[in-house]
Amino acid sequence: MPHWLQSPNVRKILSMPHDDSRSAALYEQALAVLPGGVSRNTVLRKPYPLYVDHASGARVTDVEGVERIDFSNNMTSLIHGHAHPAIVSAVTEQLARGTAFTLPTEVEVRFAQHMVDRNESFDKIRFVNSGTEAVMGALKAARAFTGRHKIAKVEGAYHGLYDFAEISQTSTPANWGERERPASVPVSYGTPTAVIDDVVVIPFNDVGAAVAVLNEHRGDLACVILDLMPHRVGLNPAADDFVAALRDWTTADGALLVLDEVITFRSVYGGAQEWYDISADLVSMGKAIGGGFPVGAIAGRRDVMDVMNPLVDEVLFPHSGTFSGNPVTMTAGLATMELFDHQAVAHVNALQQRAVSGIEQAIARTGISSCVTGRGSILRVHLKDQPPANYREAFADAAEIARRDALVEHLFDAGFLMINTCSAAMSTAMTEDDIDSLVEALEASFKKVL
């Protein structure tokens, strides 16, 4: 019997009468007061989501008492896993002193100093409350600095909820247009035509095609926004020549290069940009830097960041937010990032490499049509022969999605919580045994589901 199947938690899952579960009852109540029964669609499962009771380290226990190893880590945001004692202690102390004020706090200054010190291209930083807000602020800052209104982005890349940032992230073969000239496709019904027209979409990792599209908009673009390893585009890192070409083009044109490191900042001590010989004008961050609390940050060049400076004669981008820089998030973030030193980065990245190697061996042994992508501390399993090079190759039709959902569900029942694209994010709370258990369960899942 496989090691992971011997777990009493797994046996409990397999024998559970789902219709009588507390989660089913909770979801029935939720449907009456929440659209779809949830506040974010990514937590939905069929026939209902399972509700968390508590979590610690790398493990989450639901209200039925079932424990799972958490490879989702709240969509990559928990770099130290759940309820890390040092973070809990720091936050608990701050809670007793207050949660939010109409005055700044010392911990905001200390956290800002720490983050600026992590990357030499960060002259100044501002904190916000989510990755979406960080991207929104960066795009608005780019417009304010350049006096231009158009932006360019990679086809399929997810940059949050902002109208301009979300264009093309759900395009399909029915509407995505030519490969060399992707269409600007809205996500939400009712998106203004002006928004669609002001977002230029470029293909990922295709220097010639991307530059050709950008050249048609010389002098009009405020910025090009780039995720260096976009999840929905396949979780493959951007090629060196692609990143260099965008940096060269924006510099020559007077546009800004904005990096979205909301997910990838966990990849290297100073962010995934350290993989490349470039310096961005602005960087958006979020997720892991908040220590489990809502967070976002915008960092970059002094002159660009100063469009938000209220002390100058003309403030080009008046910026504020009731909970921006709140001391609870700042305290959790500072404790988290101080713990996420070079040794910790190396640890989670080594776990990812162990997982990738193990999964590739499992794929070879089972002979299934599958591959694994990723870098740093994140990976993604694709039900494809070859790693997808761009959004169109990463695109999954209904049949592939059904197979992937079955794979993720089988892993869930085996005691492993994955991101719904069959992606995984490592945490410092994990061990090599956790990684090996995932690989073993994945191989069994390949054989059973695929």
Protein backbone atom coordinates (compact mmCIF):
# COMPACT_ATOMS: atom_id res chain seq x y z
CA MET A 1 0.00 0.00 0.00
CA PRO A 2 1.45 3.44 -0.92
CA HIS A 3 2.78 5.49 1.99
CA TRP A 4 0.29 8.32 1.49
CA LEU A 5 -2.67 5.89 1.41
CA GLN A 6 -1.78 4.54 4.87
CA SER A 7 -2.63 7.91 6.45
CA PRO A 8 -5.69 7.78 8.75
CA ASN A 9 -6.73 11.15 7.25
CA VAL A 10 -6.86 9.67 3.76
CA ARG A 11 -8.89 6.69 4.96
CA LYS A 12 -11.25 9.13 6.68
CA ILE A 13 -11.69 11.10 3.45
CA LEU A 14 -12.42 7.99 1.38
CA SER A 15 -15.04 6.73 3.83
CA MET A 16 -16.71 10.06 4.61
CA PRO A 17 -20.50 10.36 3.99
CA HIS A 18 -20.23 13.66 2.11
CA ASP A 19 -23.95 14.47 2.11
CA ASP A 20 -23.98 14.60 5.92
CA SER A 21 -20.88 16.78 6.27
CA ARG A 22 -20.70 20.09 8.10
CA SER A 23 -19.30 21.63 4.93
CA ALA A 24 -22.43 20.70 2.98
CA ALA A 25 -24.58 22.37 5.62
CA LEU A 26 -22.39 25.47 5.71
CA TYR A 27 -22.45 25.77 1.92
CA GLU A 28 -26.24 25.56 1.89
CA GLN A 29 -26.32 28.52 4.27
CA ALA A 30 -23.70 30.38 2.21
CA LEU A 31 -25.70 30.05 -1.01
CA ALA A 32 -28.45 32.16 0.57
CA VAL A 33 -26.21 35.13 1.33
CA LEU A 34 -23.18 34.97 -1.03
CA PRO A 35 -23.22 34.85 -4.86
CA GLY A 36 -22.31 31.24 -5.59
CA GLY A 37 -21.86 30.77 -1.86
CA VAL A 38 -18.37 32.31 -1.82
CA SER A 39 -16.44 35.57 -1.97
CA ARG A 40 -13.85 34.22 -4.40
CA ASN A 41 -14.51 31.65 -7.09
CA THR A 42 -11.21 29.79 -6.67
CA VAL A 43 -12.38 28.07 -3.44
CA LEU A 44 -15.34 26.36 -5.09
CA ARG A 45 -15.37 22.58 -5.43
CA LYS A 46 -18.08 20.15 -6.55
CA PRO A 47 -20.53 19.52 -5.05
CA TYR A 48 -19.47 22.05 -2.38
CA PRO A 49 -16.28 23.49 -0.88
CA LEU A 50 -14.81 22.03 2.29
CA TYR A 51 -14.49 24.57 5.09
CA VAL A 52 -11.32 25.07 7.12
CA ASP A 53 -11.26 24.65 10.87
CA HIS A 54 -7.58 25.37 11.55
CA ALA A 55 -4.12 25.11 10.06
CA SER A 56 -0.53 24.92 11.21
CA GLY A 57 2.71 24.71 9.27
CA ALA A 58 2.16 22.82 6.03
CA ARG A 59 -1.14 21.25 7.08
CA VAL A 60 -4.76 22.37 6.94
CA THR A 61 -7.57 20.65 8.86
CA ASP A 62 -11.17 21.03 7.68
CA VAL A 63 -14.33 21.13 9.78
CA GLU A 64 -14.72 17.36 9.39
CA GLY A 65 -11.34 16.90 11.06
CA VAL A 66 -9.52 15.84 7.88
CA GLU A 67 -5.92 17.04 7.54
CA ARG A 68 -4.25 17.80 4.19
CA ILE A 69 -0.79 18.96 3.15
CA ASP A 70 -1.27 22.43 1.72
CA PHE A 71 0.52 22.92 -1.60
CA SER A 72 -1.71 25.86 -2.51
CA ASN A 73 -0.66 28.05 0.41
CA ASN A 74 -3.51 30.43 -0.31
CA MET A 75 -2.55 30.80 -3.97
CA THR A 76 1.23 31.08 -3.26
CA SER A 77 0.87 33.75 -0.54
CA LEU A 78 1.95 31.76 2.53
CA ILE A 79 5.69 31.38 2.14
CA HIS A 80 6.10 30.08 5.71
CA GLY A 81 2.92 28.02 5.76
CA HIS A 82 0.21 28.56 8.34
CA ALA A 83 0.41 30.16 11.79
CA HIS A 84 4.19 30.50 11.94
CA PRO A 85 4.94 31.13 15.64
CA ALA A 86 7.12 34.22 15.07
CA ILE A 87 4.51 35.85 12.82
CA VAL A 88 1.64 34.97 15.15
CA SER A 89 3.55 36.40 18.11
CA ALA A 90 4.40 39.65 16.34
CA VAL A 91 0.85 40.16 15.07
CA THR A 92 -0.71 39.29 18.44
CA GLU A 93 1.42 41.93 20.11
CA GLN A 94 0.42 44.51 17.50
CA LEU A 95 -3.29 43.64 17.78
CA ALA A 96 -3.21 44.62 21.43
CA ARG A 97 -1.75 48.00 20.46
CA GLY A 98 -4.28 48.71 17.69
CA THR A 99 -5.13 47.66 14.16
CA ALA A 100 -5.44 50.85 12.11
CA PHE A 101 -4.90 54.54 12.69
CA THR A 102 -5.17 57.86 10.88
CA LEU A 103 -1.49 58.20 11.77
CA PRO A 104 1.56 56.38 10.37
CA THR A 105 3.42 53.76 12.39
CA GLU A 106 7.08 52.95 12.90
CA VAL A 107 6.67 49.41 11.57
CA GLU A 108 5.64 50.77 8.15
CA VAL A 109 8.95 52.63 7.93
CA ARG A 110 10.92 49.57 9.04
CA PHE A 111 9.15 47.31 6.54
CA ALA A 112 9.72 49.83 3.76
CA GLN A 113 13.43 49.99 4.60
CA HIS A 114 13.66 46.20 4.55
CA MET A 115 11.92 45.86 1.18
CA VAL A 116 13.97 48.63 -0.44
CA ASP A 117 17.13 46.93 0.80
CA ARG A 118 16.13 43.63 -0.85
CA ASN A 119 16.46 45.02 -4.38
CA GLU A 120 18.84 47.73 -5.55
CA SER A 121 16.33 48.97 -8.16
CA PHE A 122 13.84 49.88 -5.41
CA ASP A 123 14.38 53.54 -4.54
CA LYS A 124 10.99 54.02 -2.88
CA ILE A 125 7.95 51.90 -2.04
CA ARG A 126 4.28 52.40 -1.23
CA PHE A 127 2.06 49.80 0.43
CA VAL A 128 -1.49 48.98 -0.61
CA ASN A 129 -3.89 46.14 0.17
CA SER A 130 -3.77 43.60 -2.66
CA GLY A 131 -1.89 42.58 -5.76
CA THR A 132 -4.73 43.93 -7.87
CA GLU A 133 -4.40 47.32 -6.16
CA ALA A 134 -0.61 47.27 -6.62
CA VAL A 135 -0.98 46.68 -10.35
CA MET A 136 -3.67 49.33 -10.62
CA GLY A 137 -1.47 51.84 -8.82
CA ALA A 138 1.56 51.02 -10.96
CA LEU A 139 -0.40 51.50 -14.19
CA LYS A 140 -1.85 54.80 -12.95
CA ALA A 141 1.62 55.93 -11.88
CA ALA A 142 2.98 55.07 -15.34
CA ARG A 143 0.23 57.12 -16.97
CA ALA A 144 0.88 60.04 -14.65
CA PHE A 145 4.63 59.94 -15.28
CA THR A 146 4.50 59.61 -19.08
CA GLY A 147 1.33 61.57 -19.82
CA ARG A 148 0.19 58.63 -22.00
CA HIS A 149 -2.84 56.40 -21.53
CA LYS A 150 -2.28 53.11 -23.39
CA ILE A 151 -0.68 50.05 -21.83
CA ALA A 152 0.68 46.80 -23.31
CA LYS A 153 0.51 43.36 -21.74
CA VAL A 154 1.18 39.71 -22.58
CA GLU A 155 -1.66 37.63 -23.99
CA GLY A 156 -3.35 35.56 -21.28
CA ALA A 157 -1.41 37.05 -18.37
CA TYR A 158 -3.35 37.55 -15.15
CA HIS A 159 -2.77 40.88 -13.40
CA GLY A 160 -5.81 41.11 -11.14
CA LEU A 161 -9.26 42.67 -11.32
CA TYR A 162 -8.51 46.12 -12.81
CA ASP A 163 -10.25 46.60 -16.19
CA PHE A 164 -7.06 47.52 -18.06
CA ALA A 165 -5.03 44.73 -16.45
CA GLU A 166 -7.48 41.90 -17.04
CA ILE A 167 -7.85 42.29 -20.82
CA SER A 168 -7.18 39.04 -22.75
CA GLN A 169 -6.69 36.82 -19.69
CA THR A 170 -9.63 34.58 -20.66
CA SER A 171 -9.50 34.80 -24.46
CA THR A 172 -10.30 31.64 -26.44
CA PRO A 173 -9.70 30.34 -29.98
CA ALA A 174 -13.05 31.86 -30.89
CA ASN A 175 -11.95 35.43 -30.16
CA TRP A 176 -8.18 35.66 -29.62
CA GLY A 177 -7.32 36.71 -33.21
CA GLU A 178 -4.03 36.19 -35.01
CA ARG A 179 -1.08 34.69 -33.15
CA GLU A 180 1.27 37.53 -34.11
CA ARG A 181 -1.37 40.16 -33.33
CA PRO A 182 -3.54 39.00 -30.42
CA ALA A 183 -6.92 40.63 -29.96
CA SER A 184 -7.82 42.73 -26.92
CA VAL A 185 -10.59 40.66 -25.38
CA PRO A 186 -12.48 41.83 -22.26
CA VAL A 187 -13.12 39.51 -19.32
CA SER A 188 -16.16 41.19 -17.76
CA TYR A 189 -19.35 42.03 -19.60
CA GLY A 190 -19.83 45.78 -19.87
CA THR A 191 -16.13 46.61 -20.13
CA PRO A 192 -15.98 50.00 -21.89
CA THR A 193 -14.80 49.98 -25.49
CA ALA A 194 -12.30 52.70 -24.59
CA VAL A 195 -10.62 50.31 -22.16
CA ILE A 196 -10.38 47.57 -24.77
CA ASP A 197 -8.91 49.98 -27.31
CA ASP A 198 -6.30 51.26 -24.87
CA VAL A 199 -4.80 47.83 -24.08
CA VAL A 200 -2.28 46.46 -26.56
CA VAL A 201 -1.76 42.69 -26.38
CA ILE A 202 1.54 41.04 -27.32
CA PRO A 203 2.45 37.33 -27.65
CA PHE A 204 4.66 35.84 -24.92
CA ASN A 205 8.31 35.01 -25.60
CA ASP A 206 8.10 36.01 -29.27
CA VAL A 207 10.48 38.94 -29.66
CA GLY A 208 9.80 39.65 -33.32
CA ALA A 209 6.02 39.58 -33.09
CA ALA A 210 5.92 41.49 -29.79
CA VAL A 211 8.19 44.29 -31.00
CA ALA A 212 6.25 44.55 -34.27
CA VAL A 213 3.02 45.12 -32.33
CA LEU A 214 4.67 47.60 -29.96
CA ASN A 215 6.14 49.55 -32.88
CA GLU A 216 2.61 50.30 -34.09
CA HIS A 217 2.02 52.20 -30.85
CA ARG A 218 5.24 54.20 -30.50
CA GLY A 219 4.75 57.33 -28.41
CA ASP A 220 1.35 56.16 -27.13
CA LEU A 221 2.19 53.58 -24.48
CA ALA A 222 2.53 54.53 -20.84
CA CYS A 223 4.04 51.15 -20.04
CA VAL A 224 4.48 47.50 -20.83
CA ILE A 225 3.48 45.29 -17.89
CA LEU A 226 5.13 41.90 -17.65
CA ASP A 227 4.82 38.93 -15.30
CA LEU A 228 8.18 37.16 -15.53
CA MET A 229 6.55 33.73 -15.10
CA PRO A 230 2.84 34.14 -15.84
CA HIS A 231 0.74 31.36 -14.34
CA ARG A 232 -2.06 31.33 -16.92
CA VAL A 233 0.43 31.53 -19.77
CA GLY A 234 1.92 28.21 -18.64
CA LEU A 235 4.18 29.04 -15.66
CA ASN A 236 7.27 29.13 -17.85
CA PRO A 237 9.80 31.91 -17.19
CA ALA A 238 10.10 34.68 -19.75
CA ALA A 239 13.05 34.15 -22.09
CA ASP A 240 16.12 36.33 -21.56
CA ASP A 241 15.91 37.84 -25.03
CA PHE A 242 12.20 38.60 -24.61
CA VAL A 243 12.74 40.49 -21.34
CA ALA A 244 15.75 42.32 -22.77
CA ALA A 245 13.79 43.31 -25.88
CA LEU A 246 10.96 44.79 -23.81
CA ARG A 247 13.44 46.66 -21.63
CA ASP A 248 15.22 48.07 -24.69
CA TRP A 249 11.98 48.97 -26.46
CA THR A 250 10.44 50.79 -23.51
CA THR A 251 13.65 52.70 -22.80
CA ALA A 252 13.93 53.87 -26.41
CA ASP A 253 10.24 54.80 -26.60
CA GLY A 254 9.98 56.58 -23.26
CA ALA A 255 7.45 54.07 -21.96
CA LEU A 256 7.96 52.37 -18.58
CA LEU A 257 8.63 48.70 -17.93
CA VAL A 258 6.39 47.50 -15.10
CA LEU A 259 7.02 44.05 -13.61
CA ASP A 260 4.20 42.20 -11.92
CA GLU A 261 5.94 40.24 -9.16
CA VAL A 262 2.84 39.61 -7.07
CA ILE A 263 3.52 35.87 -7.35
CA THR A 264 7.15 35.66 -8.43
CA PHE A 265 8.78 37.86 -5.79
CA ARG A 266 9.05 34.71 -3.64
CA SER A 267 11.34 33.15 -6.30
CA VAL A 268 14.58 34.97 -5.36
CA TYR A 269 15.60 37.14 -2.40
CA GLY A 270 15.08 40.31 -4.45
CA GLY A 271 12.41 38.95 -6.78
CA ALA A 272 12.43 36.98 -10.02
CA GLN A 273 13.87 40.03 -11.79
CA GLU A 274 17.23 38.85 -10.41
CA TRP A 275 17.06 36.11 -13.06
CA TYR A 276 17.61 38.86 -15.66
CA ASP A 277 20.14 41.59 -16.30
CA ILE A 278 17.56 44.40 -16.19
CA SER A 279 16.16 47.03 -13.88
CA ALA A 280 12.42 47.74 -14.03
CA ASP A 281 10.90 51.19 -13.65
CA LEU A 282 8.11 49.95 -11.39
CA VAL A 283 7.38 46.65 -9.66
CA SER A 284 4.07 45.46 -8.24
CA MET A 285 4.12 42.99 -5.35
CA GLY A 286 1.65 41.25 -3.07
CA LYS A 287 0.75 37.80 -1.71
CA ALA A 288 3.82 36.40 0.12
CA ILE A 289 5.11 39.75 1.37
CA GLY A 290 2.04 40.14 3.62
CA GLY A 291 2.64 37.19 5.90
CA GLY A 292 -0.92 35.91 5.46
CA PHE A 293 -2.63 39.30 5.53
CA PRO A 294 -4.01 41.35 2.59
CA VAL A 295 -1.12 43.29 1.06
CA GLY A 296 0.23 44.96 -2.04
CA ALA A 297 3.20 47.17 -2.78
CA ILE A 298 4.48 49.39 -5.56
CA ALA A 299 8.23 49.99 -5.72
CA GLY A 300 10.61 51.51 -8.23
CA ARG A 301 12.53 54.49 -9.51
CA ARG A 302 12.54 57.57 -7.34
CA ASP A 303 11.35 59.96 -10.07
CA VAL A 304 8.51 57.65 -11.10
CA MET A 305 7.41 56.93 -7.55
CA ASP A 306 7.36 60.64 -6.81
CA VAL A 307 4.23 61.10 -8.95
CA MET A 308 2.54 60.03 -5.69
CA ASN A 309 4.56 62.44 -3.54
CA PRO A 310 2.13 64.85 -1.84
CA LEU A 311 4.95 67.28 -0.98
CA VAL A 312 5.73 68.36 -4.56
CA ASP A 313 4.17 71.42 -6.16
CA GLU A 314 1.97 69.39 -8.52
CA VAL A 315 0.86 65.94 -7.43
CA LEU A 316 0.32 63.94 -10.62
CA PHE A 317 -1.21 60.87 -8.94
CA PRO A 318 -2.92 61.62 -5.60
CA HIS A 319 -2.84 58.29 -3.83
CA SER A 320 -4.27 57.09 -0.54
CA GLY A 321 -6.14 54.17 1.03
CA THR A 322 -7.78 53.69 4.41
CA PHE A 323 -5.94 50.46 5.20
CA SER A 324 -2.76 51.02 3.20
CA GLY A 325 0.24 50.47 5.45
CA ASN A 326 -1.91 49.25 8.34
CA PRO A 327 0.28 48.10 11.23
CA VAL A 328 -1.06 44.53 11.36
CA THR A 329 -0.10 43.79 7.77
CA MET A 330 3.16 45.71 8.12
CA THR A 331 4.07 43.72 11.23
CA ALA A 332 3.24 40.38 9.62
CA GLY A 333 5.02 41.36 6.41
CA LEU A 334 8.21 42.48 8.13
CA ALA A 335 8.37 39.34 10.26
CA THR A 336 7.74 37.18 7.19
CA MET A 337 10.30 38.77 4.93
CA GLU A 338 12.99 38.89 7.63
CA LEU A 339 12.48 35.14 8.03
CA PHE A 340 12.58 34.70 4.26
CA ASP A 341 16.33 35.19 4.08
CA HIS A 342 18.74 33.70 1.52
CA GLN A 343 18.79 30.37 3.33
CA ALA A 344 14.99 30.15 3.39
CA VAL A 345 14.77 31.04 -0.30
CA ALA A 346 17.26 28.29 -1.11
CA HIS A 347 15.25 25.82 1.00
CA VAL A 348 11.89 26.30 -0.75
CA ASN A 349 13.55 26.41 -4.17
CA ALA A 350 15.32 23.13 -3.46
CA LEU A 351 11.98 21.58 -2.48
CA GLN A 352 10.54 22.71 -5.81
CA GLN A 353 13.45 21.17 -7.70
CA ARG A 354 12.98 17.89 -5.82
CA ALA A 355 9.29 17.92 -6.68
CA VAL A 356 9.88 18.68 -10.36
CA SER A 357 12.46 15.91 -10.65
CA GLY A 358 10.18 13.43 -8.90
CA ILE A 359 7.15 14.34 -11.01
CA GLU A 360 9.15 14.05 -14.23
CA GLN A 361 10.26 10.57 -13.16
CA ALA A 362 6.65 9.64 -12.33
CA ILE A 363 5.56 10.86 -15.77
CA ALA A 364 8.26 8.73 -17.41
CA ARG A 365 7.28 5.64 -15.40
CA THR A 366 3.57 5.94 -16.19
CA GLY A 367 4.06 7.02 -19.80
CA ILE A 368 1.24 9.55 -19.63
CA SER A 369 0.98 12.67 -21.73
CA SER A 370 2.09 15.23 -19.17
CA CYS A 371 4.85 17.70 -18.30
CA VAL A 372 5.81 20.04 -15.48
CA THR A 373 6.85 23.71 -15.59
CA GLY A 374 7.90 26.38 -13.11
CA ARG A 375 10.93 27.85 -11.39
CA GLY A 376 11.81 29.13 -7.96
CA SER A 377 9.37 27.63 -5.45
CA ILE A 378 6.35 27.12 -7.74
CA LEU A 379 5.46 24.39 -10.26
CA ARG A 380 2.57 23.44 -12.53
CA VAL A 381 1.61 20.06 -13.98
CA HIS A 382 0.22 20.18 -17.54
CA LEU A 383 -1.63 17.38 -19.31
CA LYS A 384 0.40 18.04 -22.44
CA ASP A 385 3.41 16.33 -24.04
CA GLN A 386 5.55 19.48 -24.12
CA PRO A 387 5.80 22.51 -21.83
CA PRO A 388 3.62 25.26 -23.35
CA ALA A 389 5.59 28.19 -24.66
CA ASN A 390 2.74 30.71 -24.60
CA TYR A 391 -0.91 31.22 -23.68
CA ARG A 392 -2.25 29.51 -26.78
CA GLU A 393 -0.22 26.40 -26.14
CA ALA A 394 -1.19 26.45 -22.46
CA PHE A 395 -4.88 26.83 -23.28
CA ALA A 396 -6.93 23.83 -22.14
CA ASP A 397 -10.14 22.76 -23.88
CA ALA A 398 -13.13 21.32 -22.00
CA ALA A 399 -11.86 17.73 -22.21
CA GLU A 400 -8.44 18.65 -20.81
CA ILE A 401 -9.98 20.74 -18.04
CA ALA A 402 -12.16 17.79 -17.04
CA ARG A 403 -9.12 15.51 -16.83
CA ARG A 404 -7.16 18.10 -14.87
CA ASP A 405 -10.05 18.65 -12.46
CA ALA A 406 -10.24 14.90 -11.89
CA LEU A 407 -6.50 14.81 -11.18
CA VAL A 408 -6.70 17.69 -8.68
CA GLU A 409 -9.76 16.12 -7.03
CA HIS A 410 -8.02 12.77 -6.68
CA LEU A 411 -5.06 14.49 -5.04
CA PHE A 412 -7.46 16.36 -2.76
CA ASP A 413 -9.04 13.08 -1.67
CA ALA A 414 -5.53 11.68 -1.16
CA GLY A 415 -4.76 14.48 1.28
CA PHE A 416 -3.10 17.15 -0.87
CA LEU A 417 -4.45 20.66 -1.45
CA MET A 418 -3.33 22.00 -4.85
CA ILE A 419 -4.03 25.18 -6.81
CA ASN A 420 -6.86 24.35 -9.22
CA THR A 421 -4.59 24.34 -12.28
CA CYS A 422 -2.64 21.48 -10.65
CA SER A 423 -0.01 23.94 -9.51
CA ALA A 424 1.93 23.87 -6.24
CA ALA A 425 3.72 26.45 -4.12
CA MET A 426 6.30 25.36 -1.57
CA SER A 427 6.61 26.76 1.95
CA THR A 428 9.43 26.75 4.47
CA ALA A 429 7.22 24.57 6.68
CA MET A 430 7.49 21.68 4.22
CA THR A 431 9.94 18.81 4.34
CA GLU A 432 11.41 16.48 1.74
CA ASP A 433 9.01 13.79 3.00
CA ASP A 434 6.09 16.08 2.11
CA ILE A 435 7.47 16.47 -1.40
CA ASP A 436 8.03 12.75 -1.84
CA SER A 437 4.48 12.03 -0.63
CA LEU A 438 3.09 14.43 -3.24
CA VAL A 439 5.11 12.76 -5.99
CA GLU A 440 3.92 9.32 -4.88
CA ALA A 441 0.30 10.45 -4.81
CA LEU A 442 0.62 12.13 -8.19
CA GLU A 443 1.95 8.94 -9.76
CA ALA A 444 -0.97 6.99 -8.31
CA SER A 445 -3.34 9.70 -9.54
CA PHE A 446 -1.85 9.54 -13.04
CA LYS A 447 -2.54 5.81 -13.17
CA LYS A 448 -6.06 6.06 -11.77
CA VAL A 449 -7.38 9.20 -13.42
CA LEU A 450 -5.52 9.45 -16.71
